[in-house]
Amino acid sequence: MTDIDYRLAFELSPIGLVLSRHRSIVDCNARLCEMFGLSRELLIGQTFQVLYPS
């Protein structure tokens, strides 16, 4: 598979997906945004705490 194939699989997945580095959100797909009612722009750079606040 090429990088484009992986990107399409990530973007078109029917389940919410997130990529992280050092506990910070690097990317997420549209389904994850729909699940939490948040925009990709808001999520990128945040920690997972934004998804599961105490």
N, C-alpha and C. Protein backbone atom coordinates (compact mmCIF):
# COMPACT_ATOMS: atom_id res chain seq x y z
N MET A 1 0.84 -1.19 0.00
CA MET A 1 0.00 0.00 0.00
C MET A 1 0.88 1.24 0.00
N THR A 2 0.38 2.27 -0.64
CA THR A 2 1.11 3.54 -0.68
C THR A 2 0.63 4.45 0.45
N ASP A 3 1.34 5.55 0.64
CA ASP A 3 0.93 6.53 1.65
C ASP A 3 -0.47 7.05 1.35
N ILE A 4 -0.78 7.21 0.08
CA ILE A 4 -2.12 7.68 -0.31
C ILE A 4 -3.17 6.66 0.09
N ASP A 5 -2.89 5.38 -0.10
CA ASP A 5 -3.82 4.33 0.30
C ASP A 5 -4.08 4.37 1.81
N TYR A 6 -3.01 4.53 2.59
CA TYR A 6 -3.17 4.58 4.03
C TYR A 6 -3.98 5.81 4.43
N ARG A 7 -3.72 6.94 3.80
CA ARG A 7 -4.44 8.18 4.10
C ARG A 7 -5.93 8.01 3.79
N LEU A 8 -6.25 7.41 2.65
CA LEU A 8 -7.65 7.19 2.29
C LEU A 8 -8.33 6.24 3.27
N ALA A 9 -7.65 5.18 3.65
CA ALA A 9 -8.21 4.23 4.63
C ALA A 9 -8.47 4.94 5.96
N PHE A 10 -7.56 5.79 6.37
CA PHE A 10 -7.70 6.55 7.62
C PHE A 10 -8.90 7.50 7.52
N GLU A 11 -8.96 8.27 6.45
CA GLU A 11 -10.02 9.27 6.29
C GLU A 11 -11.40 8.65 6.11
N LEU A 12 -11.49 7.55 5.40
CA LEU A 12 -12.78 6.96 5.06
C LEU A 12 -13.24 5.87 6.03
N SER A 13 -12.47 5.62 7.06
CA SER A 13 -12.83 4.58 8.02
C SER A 13 -14.17 4.90 8.69
N PRO A 14 -15.02 3.88 8.85
CA PRO A 14 -16.30 4.11 9.52
C PRO A 14 -16.18 4.21 11.05
N ILE A 15 -14.97 4.02 11.57
CA ILE A 15 -14.75 4.16 13.01
C ILE A 15 -13.84 5.35 13.26
N GLY A 16 -13.97 5.94 14.42
CA GLY A 16 -13.13 7.08 14.77
C GLY A 16 -11.69 6.65 15.00
N LEU A 17 -10.77 7.33 14.33
CA LEU A 17 -9.35 7.02 14.46
C LEU A 17 -8.58 8.28 14.84
N VAL A 18 -7.54 8.09 15.63
CA VAL A 18 -6.69 9.20 16.03
C VAL A 18 -5.24 8.75 15.98
N LEU A 19 -4.37 9.64 15.56
CA LEU A 19 -2.92 9.43 15.62
C LEU A 19 -2.38 10.34 16.70
N SER A 20 -1.50 9.80 17.53
CA SER A 20 -0.95 10.61 18.61
C SER A 20 0.56 10.45 18.69
N ARG A 21 1.16 11.43 19.32
CA ARG A 21 2.59 11.39 19.60
C ARG A 21 2.79 12.05 20.96
N HIS A 22 3.43 11.32 21.84
CA HIS A 22 3.68 11.83 23.20
C HIS A 22 2.39 12.32 23.85
N ARG A 23 1.32 11.55 23.70
CA ARG A 23 0.00 11.82 24.31
C ARG A 23 -0.69 13.06 23.77
N SER A 24 -0.24 13.53 22.63
CA SER A 24 -0.86 14.68 21.99
C SER A 24 -1.44 14.25 20.64
N ILE A 25 -2.63 14.73 20.32
CA ILE A 25 -3.30 14.36 19.07
C ILE A 25 -2.61 15.03 17.90
N VAL A 26 -2.16 14.22 16.95
CA VAL A 26 -1.47 14.70 15.76
C VAL A 26 -2.45 14.78 14.59
N ASP A 27 -3.38 13.84 14.51
CA ASP A 27 -4.38 13.83 13.44
C ASP A 27 -5.56 12.97 13.88
N CYS A 28 -6.69 13.21 13.27
CA CYS A 28 -7.88 12.40 13.53
C CYS A 28 -8.75 12.43 12.28
N ASN A 29 -9.61 11.44 12.18
CA ASN A 29 -10.47 11.39 10.99
C ASN A 29 -11.82 12.05 11.28
N ALA A 30 -12.61 12.22 10.22
CA ALA A 30 -13.90 12.90 10.34
C ALA A 30 -14.85 12.16 11.27
N ARG A 31 -14.80 10.84 11.28
CA ARG A 31 -15.70 10.06 12.14
C ARG A 31 -15.44 10.35 13.61
N LEU A 32 -14.18 10.48 14.01
CA LEU A 32 -13.87 10.82 15.40
C LEU A 32 -14.44 12.19 15.74
N CYS A 33 -14.29 13.14 14.83
CA CYS A 33 -14.83 14.48 15.05
C CYS A 33 -16.35 14.43 15.22
N GLU A 34 -17.02 13.64 14.40
CA GLU A 34 -18.47 13.48 14.52
C GLU A 34 -18.85 12.86 15.87
N MET A 35 -18.10 11.86 16.28
CA MET A 35 -18.40 11.16 17.54
C MET A 35 -18.36 12.10 18.74
N PHE A 36 -17.41 13.04 18.74
CA PHE A 36 -17.23 13.92 19.88
C PHE A 36 -17.78 15.32 19.65
N GLY A 37 -18.25 15.60 18.44
CA GLY A 37 -18.80 16.92 18.15
C GLY A 37 -17.77 18.03 18.19
N LEU A 38 -16.53 17.69 17.83
CA LEU A 38 -15.44 18.66 17.86
C LEU A 38 -14.76 18.71 16.50
N SER A 39 -14.15 19.84 16.18
CA SER A 39 -13.48 19.97 14.88
C SER A 39 -12.07 19.41 14.94
N ARG A 40 -11.57 19.03 13.78
CA ARG A 40 -10.20 18.54 13.67
C ARG A 40 -9.23 19.63 14.14
N GLU A 41 -9.50 20.86 13.75
CA GLU A 41 -8.62 21.97 14.13
C GLU A 41 -8.53 22.13 15.64
N LEU A 42 -9.64 21.92 16.33
CA LEU A 42 -9.64 22.02 17.78
C LEU A 42 -8.89 20.85 18.42
N LEU A 43 -9.03 19.66 17.85
CA LEU A 43 -8.43 18.46 18.45
C LEU A 43 -6.92 18.37 18.26
N ILE A 44 -6.43 18.75 17.10
CA ILE A 44 -4.99 18.62 16.83
C ILE A 44 -4.19 19.49 17.80
N GLY A 45 -3.23 18.86 18.43
CA GLY A 45 -2.39 19.54 19.41
C GLY A 45 -2.86 19.37 20.85
N GLN A 46 -4.09 18.88 21.04
CA GLN A 46 -4.64 18.66 22.37
C GLN A 46 -4.22 17.29 22.90
N THR A 47 -4.34 17.10 24.19
CA THR A 47 -4.15 15.78 24.77
C THR A 47 -5.49 15.05 24.74
N PHE A 48 -5.48 13.77 25.06
CA PHE A 48 -6.71 12.99 25.08
C PHE A 48 -7.69 13.48 26.15
N GLN A 49 -7.21 14.28 27.07
CA GLN A 49 -8.08 14.80 28.13
C GLN A 49 -9.23 15.62 27.54
N VAL A 50 -9.05 16.22 26.38
CA VAL A 50 -10.13 16.99 25.75
C VAL A 50 -11.28 16.06 25.36
N LEU A 51 -10.98 14.79 25.10
CA LEU A 51 -12.02 13.83 24.74
C LEU A 51 -12.68 13.21 25.97
N TYR A 52 -11.94 13.09 27.05
CA TYR A 52 -12.43 12.45 28.27
C TYR A 52 -12.13 13.32 29.48
N PRO A 53 -12.79 14.47 29.59
CA PRO A 53 -12.50 15.34 30.73
C PRO A 53 -12.95 14.70 32.05
N SER A 54 -12.28 15.06 33.11
CA SER A 54 -12.62 14.51 34.44
C SER A 54 -13.89 15.13 34.98
